[in-house]
């Protein structure tokens, strides 16, 4: 009975993370596209060090370029991890749950890196509302990814301890 509750909780958290990471991919790809379209005309007046970076972001601050590129990468990795995690949770074996927990932990670590850049960008200021929304969603998804990682890992530990008890004959 508790096994089904933890399975549905993990599946629900994975679905929420999939939606949040999809929103991150959409907003980040819009920002990269907007930066590419505007960089040709606006970066032509910049001095040499700024011309080296191929995408000039006409909005935001000095942390925007790093944050946008990293959030696009994190969004794709997070969507992949959430989809594979849903398949692993549906299988509900010890090996598949540990695989989902480890990939979820790696995604959480990368999401924390992007969240740190989002906090730096908030600290520097001067960003528009679309970028502010991306920063807030990145902070929210770092928390939901942590809860999801914990739920999957706790489920894996529970299933493993039940299997050990059945193997040794102690019920």
C-alpha atoms as a PDB file:
ATOM      1  CA  UNK A   1       0.000   0.000   0.000  1.00  0.00           C
ATOM      2  CA  UNK A   2       2.775   2.459   0.889  1.00  0.00           C
ATOM      3  CA  UNK A   3       4.606   1.294  -2.209  1.00  0.00           C
ATOM      4  CA  UNK A   4       1.791   2.535  -4.452  1.00  0.00           C
ATOM      5  CA  UNK A   5       1.681   5.904  -2.655  1.00  0.00           C
ATOM      6  CA  UNK A   6       5.397   6.484  -3.100  1.00  0.00           C
ATOM      7  CA  UNK A   7       5.166   5.340  -6.730  1.00  0.00           C
ATOM      8  CA  UNK A   8       2.399   7.828  -7.486  1.00  0.00           C
ATOM      9  CA  UNK A   9       4.211  10.617  -5.617  1.00  0.00           C
ATOM     10  CA  UNK A  10       7.413  10.001  -7.551  1.00  0.00           C
ATOM     11  CA  UNK A  11       5.501   9.857 -10.848  1.00  0.00           C
ATOM     12  CA  UNK A  12       3.660  13.099 -10.048  1.00  0.00           C
ATOM     13  CA  UNK A  13       6.922  14.879  -9.176  1.00  0.00           C
ATOM     14  CA  UNK A  14       8.514  13.636 -12.389  1.00  0.00           C
ATOM     15  CA  UNK A  15       5.570  14.959 -14.422  1.00  0.00           C
ATOM     16  CA  UNK A  16       5.801  18.350 -12.696  1.00  0.00           C
ATOM     17  CA  UNK A  17       9.546  18.470 -13.374  1.00  0.00           C
ATOM     18  CA  UNK A  18       9.007  17.495 -17.004  1.00  0.00           C
ATOM     19  CA  UNK A  19       6.600  20.410 -17.453  1.00  0.00           C
ATOM     20  CA  UNK A  20       8.933  22.853 -15.681  1.00  0.00           C
ATOM     21  CA  UNK A  21      11.964  21.757 -17.692  1.00  0.00           C
ATOM     22  CA  UNK A  22       9.927  22.063 -20.896  1.00  0.00           C
ATOM     23  CA  UNK A  23       9.056  25.655 -19.972  1.00  0.00           C
ATOM     24  CA  UNK A  24      12.759  26.297 -19.287  1.00  0.00           C
ATOM     25  CA  UNK A  25      13.696  24.933 -22.731  1.00  0.00           C
ATOM     26  CA  UNK A  26      11.049  27.106 -24.419  1.00  0.00           C
ATOM     27  CA  UNK A  27      12.103  30.296 -22.661  1.00  0.00           C
ATOM     28  CA  UNK A  28      15.826  29.655 -23.067  1.00  0.00           C
ATOM     29  CA  UNK A  29      15.520  28.845 -26.756  1.00  0.00           C
ATOM     30  CA  UNK A  30      13.483  32.028 -27.245  1.00  0.00           C
ATOM     31  CA  UNK A  31      16.219  34.027 -25.516  1.00  0.00           C
ATOM     32  CA  UNK A  32      18.974  32.415 -27.613  1.00  0.00           C
ATOM     33  CA  UNK A  33      17.004  33.090 -30.804  1.00  0.00           C
ATOM     34  CA  UNK A  34      16.356  36.685 -29.767  1.00  0.00           C
ATOM     35  CA  UNK A  35      20.039  37.123 -28.955  1.00  0.00           C
ATOM     36  CA  UNK A  36      21.130  35.713 -32.322  1.00  0.00           C
ATOM     37  CA  UNK A  37      18.722  37.919 -34.266  1.00  0.00           C
ATOM     38  CA  UNK A  38      19.726  41.112 -32.444  1.00  0.00           C
ATOM     39  CA  UNK A  39      23.451  40.419 -32.074  1.00  0.00           C
ATOM     40  CA  UNK A  40      24.412  41.185 -35.669  1.00  0.00           C
ATOM     41  CA  UNK A  41      23.198  44.756 -35.545  1.00  0.00           C
ATOM     42  CA  UNK A  42      23.910  45.650 -31.932  1.00  0.00           C
ATOM     43  CA  UNK A  43      27.262  43.925 -31.382  1.00  0.00           C
ATOM     44  CA  UNK A  44      28.872  45.645 -34.374  1.00  0.00           C
ATOM     45  CA  UNK A  45      29.539  48.748 -32.259  1.00  0.00           C
ATOM     46  CA  UNK A  46      31.154  46.845 -29.381  1.00  0.00           C
ATOM     47  CA  UNK A  47      34.859  46.660 -28.682  1.00  0.00           C
ATOM     48  CA  UNK A  48      36.890  43.525 -29.381  1.00  0.00           C
ATOM     49  CA  UNK A  49      36.465  41.383 -26.239  1.00  0.00           C
ATOM     50  CA  UNK A  50      32.684  41.575 -26.508  1.00  0.00           C
ATOM     51  CA  UNK A  51      32.752  40.664 -30.213  1.00  0.00           C
ATOM     52  CA  UNK A  52      34.416  37.311 -29.474  1.00  0.00           C
ATOM     53  CA  UNK A  53      31.281  35.799 -27.898  1.00  0.00           C
ATOM     54  CA  UNK A  54      29.073  34.821 -30.851  1.00  0.00           C
ATOM     55  CA  UNK A  55      25.777  35.660 -29.164  1.00  0.00           C
ATOM     56  CA  UNK A  56      25.345  39.126 -27.749  1.00  0.00           C
ATOM     57  CA  UNK A  57      22.297  39.428 -25.501  1.00  0.00           C
ATOM     58  CA  UNK A  58      20.772  42.888 -25.859  1.00  0.00           C
ATOM     59  CA  UNK A  59      18.850  42.374 -22.623  1.00  0.00           C
ATOM     60  CA  UNK A  60      19.904  41.465 -19.117  1.00  0.00           C
ATOM     61  CA  UNK A  61      23.350  41.934 -17.618  1.00  0.00           C
ATOM     62  CA  UNK A  62      26.799  40.350 -17.816  1.00  0.00           C
ATOM     63  CA  UNK A  63      25.607  36.990 -16.412  1.00  0.00           C
ATOM     64  CA  UNK A  64      22.807  36.627 -18.960  1.00  0.00           C
ATOM     65  CA  UNK A  65      24.783  34.846 -21.664  1.00  0.00           C
ATOM     66  CA  UNK A  66      26.081  32.174 -19.326  1.00  0.00           C
ATOM     67  CA  UNK A  67      22.702  31.747 -17.645  1.00  0.00           C
ATOM     68  CA  UNK A  68      20.755  31.387 -20.900  1.00  0.00           C
ATOM     69  CA  UNK A  69      23.116  28.845 -22.466  1.00  0.00           C
ATOM     70  CA  UNK A  70      23.349  26.808 -19.249  1.00  0.00           C
ATOM     71  CA  UNK A  71      19.585  26.890 -18.680  1.00  0.00           C
ATOM     72  CA  UNK A  72      19.005  25.600 -22.214  1.00  0.00           C
ATOM     73  CA  UNK A  73      21.382  22.734 -21.516  1.00  0.00           C
ATOM     74  CA  UNK A  74      19.797  22.042 -18.115  1.00  0.00           C
ATOM     75  CA  UNK A  75      16.321  22.072 -19.637  1.00  0.00           C
ATOM     76  CA  UNK A  76      17.212  19.394 -22.176  1.00  0.00           C
ATOM     77  CA  UNK A  77      18.998  17.252 -19.576  1.00  0.00           C
ATOM     78  CA  UNK A  78      16.110  17.679 -17.137  1.00  0.00           C
ATOM     79  CA  UNK A  79      13.482  16.716 -19.691  1.00  0.00           C
ATOM     80  CA  UNK A  80      15.458  13.599 -20.614  1.00  0.00           C
ATOM     81  CA  UNK A  81      15.952  12.649 -16.970  1.00  0.00           C
ATOM     82  CA  UNK A  82      12.271  13.157 -16.182  1.00  0.00           C
ATOM     83  CA  UNK A  83      11.132  11.029 -19.120  1.00  0.00           C
ATOM     84  CA  UNK A  84      13.564   8.225 -18.335  1.00  0.00           C
ATOM     85  CA  UNK A  85      12.707   8.515 -14.642  1.00  0.00           C
ATOM     86  CA  UNK A  86       9.029   8.009 -15.428  1.00  0.00           C
ATOM     87  CA  UNK A  87       9.837   4.822 -17.329  1.00  0.00           C
ATOM     88  CA  UNK A  88      12.029   3.613 -14.466  1.00  0.00           C
ATOM     89  CA  UNK A  89       9.361   4.379 -11.866  1.00  0.00           C
ATOM     90  CA  UNK A  90       6.795   2.505 -13.925  1.00  0.00           C
ATOM     91  CA  UNK A  91       9.076  -0.556 -13.911  1.00  0.00           C
ATOM     92  CA  UNK A  92       9.477  -0.269 -10.106  1.00  0.00           C
ATOM     93  CA  UNK A  93      12.441  -2.553  -9.539  1.00  0.00           C
ATOM     94  CA  UNK A  94      15.434  -1.884  -7.323  1.00  0.00           C
ATOM     95  CA  UNK A  95      17.846  -1.448 -10.228  1.00  0.00           C
ATOM     96  CA  UNK A  96      15.567   0.874 -12.183  1.00  0.00           C
ATOM     97  CA  UNK A  97      14.825   3.017  -9.130  1.00  0.00           C
ATOM     98  CA  UNK A  98      18.519   3.384  -8.326  1.00  0.00           C
ATOM     99  CA  UNK A  99      19.164   4.345 -11.958  1.00  0.00           C
ATOM    100  CA  UNK A 100      16.407   6.968 -11.755  1.00  0.00           C
ATOM    101  CA  UNK A 101      17.750   8.258  -8.428  1.00  0.00           C
ATOM    102  CA  UNK A 102      21.309   8.639  -9.685  1.00  0.00           C
ATOM    103  CA  UNK A 103      20.306  10.430 -12.900  1.00  0.00           C
ATOM    104  CA  UNK A 104      17.940  12.616 -10.909  1.00  0.00           C
ATOM    105  CA  UNK A 105      20.769  13.523  -8.531  1.00  0.00           C
ATOM    106  CA  UNK A 106      23.064  14.460 -11.419  1.00  0.00           C
ATOM    107  CA  UNK A 107      20.336  16.635 -12.922  1.00  0.00           C
ATOM    108  CA  UNK A 108      19.748  18.275  -9.560  1.00  0.00           C
ATOM    109  CA  UNK A 109      23.449  19.122  -9.284  1.00  0.00           C
ATOM    110  CA  UNK A 110      23.417  20.750 -12.728  1.00  0.00           C
ATOM    111  CA  UNK A 111      20.195  22.564 -11.868  1.00  0.00           C
ATOM    112  CA  UNK A 112      21.860  23.990  -8.758  1.00  0.00           C
ATOM    113  CA  UNK A 113      24.607  25.386 -10.960  1.00  0.00           C
ATOM    114  CA  UNK A 114      22.031  27.149 -13.138  1.00  0.00           C
ATOM    115  CA  UNK A 115      20.170  28.299 -10.028  1.00  0.00           C
ATOM    116  CA  UNK A 116      23.383  29.898  -8.778  1.00  0.00           C
ATOM    117  CA  UNK A 117      23.679  31.846 -12.027  1.00  0.00           C
ATOM    118  CA  UNK A 118      20.009  32.834 -11.719  1.00  0.00           C
ATOM    119  CA  UNK A 119      20.667  34.175  -8.212  1.00  0.00           C
ATOM    120  CA  UNK A 120      23.719  36.056  -9.498  1.00  0.00           C
ATOM    121  CA  UNK A 121      21.630  37.559 -12.266  1.00  0.00           C
ATOM    122  CA  UNK A 122      18.968  38.627  -9.774  1.00  0.00           C
ATOM    123  CA  UNK A 123      21.698  40.166  -7.621  1.00  0.00           C
ATOM    124  CA  UNK A 124      23.120  42.157 -10.558  1.00  0.00           C
ATOM    125  CA  UNK A 125      19.651  43.344 -11.622  1.00  0.00           C
ATOM    126  CA  UNK A 126      18.520  45.091 -14.813  1.00  0.00           C
ATOM    127  CA  UNK A 127      16.631  42.212 -16.433  1.00  0.00           C
ATOM    128  CA  UNK A 128      13.292  42.184 -18.230  1.00  0.00           C
ATOM    129  CA  UNK A 129      10.218  40.196 -17.206  1.00  0.00           C
ATOM    130  CA  UNK A 130      10.848  37.188 -19.485  1.00  0.00           C
ATOM    131  CA  UNK A 131      14.280  36.677 -18.022  1.00  0.00           C
ATOM    132  CA  UNK A 132      12.967  37.199 -14.499  1.00  0.00           C
ATOM    133  CA  UNK A 133      10.373  34.473 -15.118  1.00  0.00           C
ATOM    134  CA  UNK A 134      13.096  32.086 -16.295  1.00  0.00           C
ATOM    135  CA  UNK A 135      15.121  32.826 -13.168  1.00  0.00           C
ATOM    136  CA  UNK A 136      12.154  32.146 -10.887  1.00  0.00           C
ATOM    137  CA  UNK A 137      11.274  28.899 -12.674  1.00  0.00           C
ATOM    138  CA  UNK A 138      14.897  27.774 -12.395  1.00  0.00           C
ATOM    139  CA  UNK A 139      14.832  28.381  -8.637  1.00  0.00           C
ATOM    140  CA  UNK A 140      11.515  26.522  -8.289  1.00  0.00           C
ATOM    141  CA  UNK A 141      12.683  23.548 -10.366  1.00  0.00           C
ATOM    142  CA  UNK A 142      15.806  23.182  -8.227  1.00  0.00           C
ATOM    143  CA  UNK A 143      13.553  22.636  -5.211  1.00  0.00           C
ATOM    144  CA  UNK A 144      11.177  20.251  -6.957  1.00  0.00           C
ATOM    145  CA  UNK A 145      14.118  18.292  -8.382  1.00  0.00           C
ATOM    146  CA  UNK A 146      15.521  17.912  -4.853  1.00  0.00           C
ATOM    147  CA  UNK A 147      12.183  16.593  -3.565  1.00  0.00           C
ATOM    148  CA  UNK A 148      11.874  14.279  -6.576  1.00  0.00           C
ATOM    149  CA  UNK A 149      15.388  12.921  -6.043  1.00  0.00           C
ATOM    150  CA  UNK A 150      14.620  12.279  -2.383  1.00  0.00           C
ATOM    151  CA  UNK A 151      11.318  10.552  -3.165  1.00  0.00           C
ATOM    152  CA  UNK A 152      12.881   8.251  -5.746  1.00  0.00           C
ATOM    153  CA  UNK A 153      15.832   7.429  -3.505  1.00  0.00           C
ATOM    154  CA  UNK A 154      13.560   6.718  -0.517  1.00  0.00           C
ATOM    155  CA  UNK A 155      11.421   4.440  -2.679  1.00  0.00           C
ATOM    156  CA  UNK A 156      14.512   2.593  -3.883  1.00  0.00           C
ATOM    157  CA  UNK A 157      15.709   2.119  -0.313  1.00  0.00           C
ATOM    158  CA  UNK A 158      12.285   0.850   0.745  1.00  0.00           C
ATOM    159  CA  UNK A 159      12.089  -1.648  -2.110  1.00  0.00           C
ATOM    160  CA  UNK A 160      15.684  -2.806  -1.468  1.00  0.00           C
ATOM    161  CA  UNK A 161      15.068  -3.343   2.254  1.00  0.00           C
ATOM    162  CA  UNK A 162      11.883  -5.310   1.502  1.00  0.00           C
ATOM    163  CA  UNK A 163      13.791  -7.478  -0.968  1.00  0.00           C
ATOM    164  CA  UNK A 164      16.567  -8.074   1.580  1.00  0.00           C
ATOM    165  CA  UNK A 165      14.025  -9.097   4.238  1.00  0.00           C
ATOM    166  CA  UNK A 166      12.365 -11.516   1.842  1.00  0.00           C
ATOM    167  CA  UNK A 167      15.750 -12.947   0.855  1.00  0.00           C
ATOM    168  CA  UNK A 168      16.876 -13.588   4.414  1.00  0.00           C
ATOM    169  CA  UNK A 169      13.500 -14.932   5.485  1.00  0.00           C
ATOM    170  CA  UNK A 170      12.837 -12.230   8.098  1.00  0.00           C
ATOM    171  CA  UNK A 171       9.454 -10.679   7.514  1.00  0.00           C
END
